[in-house]
C-alpha atoms as a PDB file:
ATOM      1  CA  UNK A   1      10.209  -1.195   4.779  1.00  0.00           C
ATOM      2  CA  UNK A   2      10.459  -3.787   2.039  1.00  0.00           C
ATOM      3  CA  UNK A   3       7.384  -6.009   1.723  1.00  0.00           C
ATOM      4  CA  UNK A   4       7.499  -9.517   0.293  1.00  0.00           C
ATOM      5  CA  UNK A   5       4.142 -10.956  -0.761  1.00  0.00           C
ATOM      6  CA  UNK A   6       4.389 -14.740  -0.505  1.00  0.00           C
ATOM      7  CA  UNK A   7       0.672 -15.482  -0.444  1.00  0.00           C
ATOM      8  CA  UNK A   8       0.182 -18.785  -2.221  1.00  0.00           C
ATOM      9  CA  UNK A   9       3.921 -19.554  -2.309  1.00  0.00           C
ATOM     10  CA  UNK A  10       4.994 -22.906  -0.882  1.00  0.00           C
ATOM     11  CA  UNK A  11       8.330 -23.550   0.828  1.00  0.00           C
ATOM     12  CA  UNK A  12      11.116 -23.014   0.048  1.00  0.00           C
ATOM     13  CA  UNK A  13      10.053 -20.067  -2.156  1.00  0.00           C
ATOM     14  CA  UNK A  14       9.387 -17.609   0.725  1.00  0.00           C
ATOM     15  CA  UNK A  15      12.772 -18.340   2.315  1.00  0.00           C
ATOM     16  CA  UNK A  16      14.547 -17.880  -1.028  1.00  0.00           C
ATOM     17  CA  UNK A  17      12.739 -14.586  -1.642  1.00  0.00           C
ATOM     18  CA  UNK A  18      13.658 -13.412   1.864  1.00  0.00           C
ATOM     19  CA  UNK A  19      17.300 -14.354   1.295  1.00  0.00           C
ATOM     20  CA  UNK A  20      17.409 -12.274  -1.890  1.00  0.00           C
ATOM     21  CA  UNK A  21      16.014  -9.233  -0.085  1.00  0.00           C
ATOM     22  CA  UNK A  22      18.224  -9.612   2.992  1.00  0.00           C
ATOM     23  CA  UNK A  23      21.313  -9.527   0.764  1.00  0.00           C
ATOM     24  CA  UNK A  24      20.395  -5.996  -0.334  1.00  0.00           C
ATOM     25  CA  UNK A  25      19.067  -4.265   2.804  1.00  0.00           C
ATOM     26  CA  UNK A  26      21.171  -2.254   5.210  1.00  0.00           C
ATOM     27  CA  UNK A  27      21.772  -2.588   8.931  1.00  0.00           C
ATOM     28  CA  UNK A  28      18.721  -1.513  10.933  1.00  0.00           C
ATOM     29  CA  UNK A  29      16.285  -1.858   8.035  1.00  0.00           C
ATOM     30  CA  UNK A  30      13.308  -4.190   8.185  1.00  0.00           C
ATOM     31  CA  UNK A  31      11.335  -6.226   5.740  1.00  0.00           C
ATOM     32  CA  UNK A  32       7.907  -7.778   6.066  1.00  0.00           C
ATOM     33  CA  UNK A  33       7.031 -11.138   4.580  1.00  0.00           C
ATOM     34  CA  UNK A  34       3.343 -12.029   4.228  1.00  0.00           C
ATOM     35  CA  UNK A  35       2.448 -15.709   3.978  1.00  0.00           C
ATOM     36  CA  UNK A  36      -0.554 -17.992   4.191  1.00  0.00           C
ATOM     37  CA  UNK A  37       1.374 -21.214   4.856  1.00  0.00           C
ATOM     38  CA  UNK A  38       2.119 -22.084   8.471  1.00  0.00           C
ATOM     39  CA  UNK A  39       5.153 -24.180   7.514  1.00  0.00           C
ATOM     40  CA  UNK A  40       6.769 -21.002   6.210  1.00  0.00           C
ATOM     41  CA  UNK A  41       6.847 -19.569   9.742  1.00  0.00           C
ATOM     42  CA  UNK A  42       8.982 -22.485  10.956  1.00  0.00           C
ATOM     43  CA  UNK A  43      11.360 -22.181   8.007  1.00  0.00           C
ATOM     44  CA  UNK A  44      11.669 -18.396   8.361  1.00  0.00           C
ATOM     45  CA  UNK A  45      12.409 -18.847  12.082  1.00  0.00           C
ATOM     46  CA  UNK A  46      15.215 -21.299  11.273  1.00  0.00           C
ATOM     47  CA  UNK A  47      16.616 -19.028   8.558  1.00  0.00           C
ATOM     48  CA  UNK A  48      16.615 -16.029  10.896  1.00  0.00           C
ATOM     49  CA  UNK A  49      18.260 -17.960  13.714  1.00  0.00           C
ATOM     50  CA  UNK A  50      20.986 -19.260  11.396  1.00  0.00           C
ATOM     51  CA  UNK A  51      21.645 -15.752  10.034  1.00  0.00           C
ATOM     52  CA  UNK A  52      21.395 -13.848  13.334  1.00  0.00           C
ATOM     53  CA  UNK A  53      18.310 -11.928  12.245  1.00  0.00           C
ATOM     54  CA  UNK A  54      15.509 -10.723  14.478  1.00  0.00           C
ATOM     55  CA  UNK A  55      11.968 -11.609  13.542  1.00  0.00           C
ATOM     56  CA  UNK A  56       8.434 -11.253  14.808  1.00  0.00           C
ATOM     57  CA  UNK A  57       5.537 -13.298  13.425  1.00  0.00           C
ATOM     58  CA  UNK A  58       1.937 -12.234  13.881  1.00  0.00           C
ATOM     59  CA  UNK A  59      -1.192 -13.946  12.568  1.00  0.00           C
ATOM     60  CA  UNK A  60      -3.130 -10.901  11.350  1.00  0.00           C
ATOM     61  CA  UNK A  61      -6.039 -12.795   9.822  1.00  0.00           C
ATOM     62  CA  UNK A  62      -6.941 -16.430  10.364  1.00  0.00           C
ATOM     63  CA  UNK A  63      -4.324 -18.276   8.297  1.00  0.00           C
ATOM     64  CA  UNK A  64      -2.340 -15.192   7.196  1.00  0.00           C
ATOM     65  CA  UNK A  65       0.897 -14.180   8.913  1.00  0.00           C
ATOM     66  CA  UNK A  66       3.030 -11.067   8.716  1.00  0.00           C
ATOM     67  CA  UNK A  67       6.644 -11.728   9.627  1.00  0.00           C
ATOM     68  CA  UNK A  68       8.832  -8.699  10.295  1.00  0.00           C
ATOM     69  CA  UNK A  69      12.545  -9.398   9.906  1.00  0.00           C
ATOM     70  CA  UNK A  70      15.285  -6.956  10.842  1.00  0.00           C
ATOM     71  CA  UNK A  71      18.998  -6.936  10.168  1.00  0.00           C
ATOM     72  CA  UNK A  72      21.066  -5.856  13.152  1.00  0.00           C
ATOM     73  CA  UNK A  73      24.801  -6.280  12.638  1.00  0.00           C
END
């Protein structure tokens, strides 16, 4: 699983970093994006919906989210 550390990154940086990774992963693979900005969750959700990606967001620590994104073509 590819991990993207976006702690401290403000939008749109996390979405751009996710886009770069999604261009290189294969069908069925997952990546995990870690963020500490709640607005990122909304933007990642929109990006995933627009690109037909599955995602799951979980707040693992107060104010820190792990978002697992999978490519299923």
